[in-house]
């Protein structure tokens, strides 16, 4: 009987380890080659389908990633919150801004994209807003951030050259989300692998 209990536990551990590895790898890919030093930085915070009137678990996580990704050496920082009212009347961008300010004490500069409904639209709607910044970071889980970076490379490679890593990967963080995000990320990036 003990063997029967060990097999599922080993399978679960294997899945979690695979997801950690996938997210770690994604956090290091599709980055640009910006000039040395952070200069002016833009951090794009991608929204996630939000049904309620306050930021959901994933949107709160993405805001925390954005905030810990702020380089204090930068000469200017702006957070760009993305997302329309995909699952509710309130845009995800507003919900994340509210959480950043009221929940995390953020009082810095920000921009809002209240119209995006997909990751492709997130990038398309903010690319002109971040085009003049020295560095651009994308805040989400590592697999989703890589997908957004792939979209930026496709839409505006000149801006993608300024991509630097956000602090999206931490071992053991959002552990139960990582396997699902890894599978979704693999599916989403499959068509892009040959072109990027």
Protein backbone atom coordinates (compact mmCIF):
# COMPACT_ATOMS: atom_id res chain seq x y z
CA UNK A 1 0.00 0.00 0.00
CA UNK A 2 2.87 2.34 0.73
CA UNK A 3 4.14 1.96 -2.85
CA UNK A 4 0.74 3.09 -4.17
CA UNK A 5 0.99 6.27 -2.12
CA UNK A 6 4.55 6.98 -3.24
CA UNK A 7 3.78 6.78 -6.98
CA UNK A 8 1.26 9.68 -7.05
CA UNK A 9 3.47 11.75 -4.75
CA UNK A 10 6.47 11.19 -7.03
CA UNK A 11 4.38 12.10 -10.09
CA UNK A 12 3.18 15.31 -8.47
CA UNK A 13 6.72 16.20 -7.40
CA UNK A 14 7.91 15.56 -10.96
CA UNK A 15 5.22 17.81 -12.44
CA UNK A 16 6.02 20.61 -9.99
CA UNK A 17 9.76 20.30 -10.67
CA UNK A 18 9.14 20.37 -14.45
CA UNK A 19 6.96 23.50 -14.08
CA UNK A 20 9.66 25.24 -12.00
CA UNK A 21 12.24 24.43 -14.65
CA UNK A 22 9.97 25.70 -17.46
CA UNK A 23 9.32 28.98 -15.65
CA UNK A 24 12.97 29.50 -14.81
CA UNK A 25 13.89 29.00 -18.47
CA UNK A 26 11.13 31.32 -19.67
CA UNK A 27 12.36 34.07 -17.36
CA UNK A 28 15.68 34.17 -19.24
CA UNK A 29 14.47 34.06 -22.87
CA UNK A 30 13.53 36.64 -25.53
CA UNK A 31 15.33 39.50 -23.84
CA UNK A 32 16.95 42.38 -25.67
CA UNK A 33 20.31 44.06 -25.51
CA UNK A 34 19.64 47.46 -23.95
CA UNK A 35 22.38 50.01 -23.23
CA UNK A 36 24.18 49.65 -19.92
CA UNK A 37 22.41 51.11 -16.89
CA UNK A 38 18.66 51.16 -16.28
CA UNK A 39 18.03 54.77 -17.36
CA UNK A 40 14.29 55.31 -17.82
CA UNK A 41 12.34 52.10 -17.20
CA UNK A 42 8.81 51.05 -18.13
CA UNK A 43 7.22 48.01 -16.49
CA UNK A 44 4.23 46.59 -18.33
CA UNK A 45 1.82 44.79 -15.98
CA UNK A 46 -0.34 42.33 -17.89
CA UNK A 47 -3.89 41.85 -16.68
CA UNK A 48 -5.65 38.54 -16.16
CA UNK A 49 -9.39 37.85 -16.48
CA UNK A 50 -10.90 39.47 -13.37
CA UNK A 51 -14.53 38.83 -12.45
CA UNK A 52 -14.86 40.86 -9.28
CA UNK A 53 -14.54 44.45 -8.21
CA UNK A 54 -11.05 43.98 -6.71
CA UNK A 55 -7.88 42.54 -8.18
CA UNK A 56 -7.89 38.75 -8.20
CA UNK A 57 -5.07 36.49 -7.02
CA UNK A 58 -3.18 36.49 -10.34
CA UNK A 59 -3.50 40.24 -10.88
CA UNK A 60 -2.26 40.90 -7.34
CA UNK A 61 0.69 38.60 -8.01
CA UNK A 62 1.51 40.46 -11.23
CA UNK A 63 1.46 43.80 -9.43
CA UNK A 64 3.86 42.42 -6.81
CA UNK A 65 6.18 41.21 -9.61
CA UNK A 66 6.11 44.70 -11.13
CA UNK A 67 6.87 46.41 -7.83
CA UNK A 68 9.80 44.16 -6.96
CA UNK A 69 11.13 44.64 -10.52
CA UNK A 70 11.60 48.39 -10.06
CA UNK A 71 15.29 49.18 -10.33
CA UNK A 72 16.03 51.90 -7.77
CA UNK A 73 18.95 53.10 -9.93
CA UNK A 74 16.62 54.14 -12.74
CA UNK A 75 16.21 57.82 -13.50
CA UNK A 76 12.47 57.37 -14.12
CA UNK A 77 10.01 54.52 -13.62
CA UNK A 78 6.50 54.12 -14.94
CA UNK A 79 4.17 51.17 -14.40
CA UNK A 80 1.86 50.47 -17.34
CA UNK A 81 -1.23 48.58 -16.21
CA UNK A 82 -2.98 46.65 -19.00
CA UNK A 83 -6.42 45.17 -19.37
CA UNK A 84 -9.94 46.10 -20.22
CA UNK A 85 -13.12 44.84 -18.59
CA UNK A 86 -12.79 41.31 -19.96
CA UNK A 87 -14.84 39.55 -17.29
CA UNK A 88 -16.47 42.53 -15.58
CA UNK A 89 -17.37 46.17 -16.21
CA UNK A 90 -14.23 47.43 -14.46
CA UNK A 91 -11.02 47.38 -16.49
CA UNK A 92 -8.34 45.10 -15.08
CA UNK A 93 -5.89 48.00 -15.41
CA UNK A 94 -7.91 50.01 -12.86
CA UNK A 95 -8.17 47.07 -10.45
CA UNK A 96 -4.42 46.51 -10.54
CA UNK A 97 -3.70 50.21 -10.08
CA UNK A 98 -6.03 50.28 -7.07
CA UNK A 99 -4.23 47.29 -5.56
CA UNK A 100 -0.80 48.79 -6.25
CA UNK A 101 -1.74 52.04 -4.53
CA UNK A 102 -4.03 50.96 -1.69
CA UNK A 103 -2.66 47.46 -1.14
CA UNK A 104 1.04 47.97 -1.78
CA UNK A 105 1.61 51.70 -1.22
CA UNK A 106 2.74 52.52 -4.76
CA UNK A 107 2.72 56.27 -5.36
CA UNK A 108 4.80 56.49 -8.51
CA UNK A 109 4.02 57.24 -12.14
CA UNK A 110 1.64 55.02 -14.08
CA UNK A 111 -0.13 54.69 -17.41
CA UNK A 112 -3.31 52.75 -18.13
CA UNK A 113 -4.43 50.63 -21.07
CA UNK A 114 -8.11 50.05 -20.38
CA UNK A 115 -8.98 48.49 -23.73
CA UNK A 116 -6.91 45.32 -24.19
CA UNK A 117 -8.68 41.97 -24.17
CA UNK A 118 -5.75 39.71 -25.10
CA UNK A 119 -2.00 39.59 -24.56
CA UNK A 120 -1.45 40.56 -28.21
CA UNK A 121 -3.61 43.64 -27.65
CA UNK A 122 -1.79 44.43 -24.38
CA UNK A 123 1.45 44.76 -26.32
CA UNK A 124 -0.08 46.52 -29.33
CA UNK A 125 -1.79 49.10 -27.11
CA UNK A 126 1.24 49.98 -24.99
CA UNK A 127 4.13 49.73 -27.41
CA UNK A 128 3.98 53.40 -28.35
CA UNK A 129 3.74 54.35 -24.67
CA UNK A 130 6.97 52.53 -23.80
CA UNK A 131 8.90 53.13 -27.03
CA UNK A 132 10.93 56.03 -25.61
CA UNK A 133 12.07 54.20 -22.47
CA UNK A 134 15.60 52.81 -22.11
CA UNK A 135 14.45 49.51 -20.64
CA UNK A 136 11.15 47.63 -20.79
CA UNK A 137 10.09 44.86 -18.41
CA UNK A 138 6.98 42.70 -18.56
CA UNK A 139 5.37 41.65 -15.29
CA UNK A 140 3.42 38.40 -15.19
CA UNK A 141 4.25 34.76 -14.53
CA UNK A 142 7.41 33.79 -16.41
CA UNK A 143 5.70 31.79 -19.17
CA UNK A 144 3.13 34.51 -19.87
CA UNK A 145 5.81 37.21 -19.79
CA UNK A 146 7.83 35.27 -22.37
CA UNK A 147 4.75 35.07 -24.60
CA UNK A 148 4.29 38.85 -24.32
CA UNK A 149 7.98 39.39 -25.13
CA UNK A 150 7.56 37.19 -28.23
CA UNK A 151 4.65 39.38 -29.29
CA UNK A 152 6.73 42.52 -28.77
CA UNK A 153 9.54 41.07 -30.91
CA UNK A 154 6.98 40.41 -33.64
CA UNK A 155 5.25 43.81 -33.41
CA UNK A 156 8.17 46.16 -32.70
CA UNK A 157 11.64 44.58 -32.67
CA UNK A 158 13.21 48.02 -32.17
CA UNK A 159 11.43 48.30 -28.79
CA UNK A 160 12.01 44.60 -28.00
CA UNK A 161 15.76 45.30 -28.13
CA UNK A 162 15.26 47.13 -24.82
CA UNK A 163 13.61 44.19 -23.02
CA UNK A 164 15.18 43.23 -19.70
CA UNK A 165 14.05 40.58 -17.26
CA UNK A 166 11.49 41.40 -14.64
CA UNK A 167 11.83 39.65 -11.29
CA UNK A 168 9.07 37.21 -12.21
CA UNK A 169 10.74 33.92 -11.29
CA UNK A 170 11.07 32.82 -7.69
CA UNK A 171 11.46 29.18 -6.75
CA UNK A 172 8.36 27.88 -4.96
CA UNK A 173 6.21 30.92 -5.68
CA UNK A 174 2.72 30.35 -7.17
CA UNK A 175 3.60 26.65 -7.19
CA UNK A 176 0.14 25.38 -8.10
CA UNK A 177 -0.28 27.92 -10.90
CA UNK A 178 3.04 27.11 -12.59
CA UNK A 179 2.09 23.73 -14.15
CA UNK A 180 -1.05 25.19 -15.75
CA UNK A 181 0.81 28.30 -16.90
CA UNK A 182 3.61 26.14 -18.33
CA UNK A 183 1.22 24.08 -20.44
CA UNK A 184 -0.58 27.20 -21.66
CA UNK A 185 2.72 28.89 -22.41
CA UNK A 186 4.00 25.95 -24.46
CA UNK A 187 0.80 25.93 -26.51
CA UNK A 188 0.84 29.71 -27.01
CA UNK A 189 4.49 29.84 -28.04
CA UNK A 190 4.45 26.81 -30.36
CA UNK A 191 3.72 28.87 -33.52
CA UNK A 192 6.42 31.40 -32.56
CA UNK A 193 9.28 28.98 -31.99
CA UNK A 194 10.26 28.77 -35.66
CA UNK A 195 10.10 32.53 -36.26
CA UNK A 196 11.77 33.90 -33.14
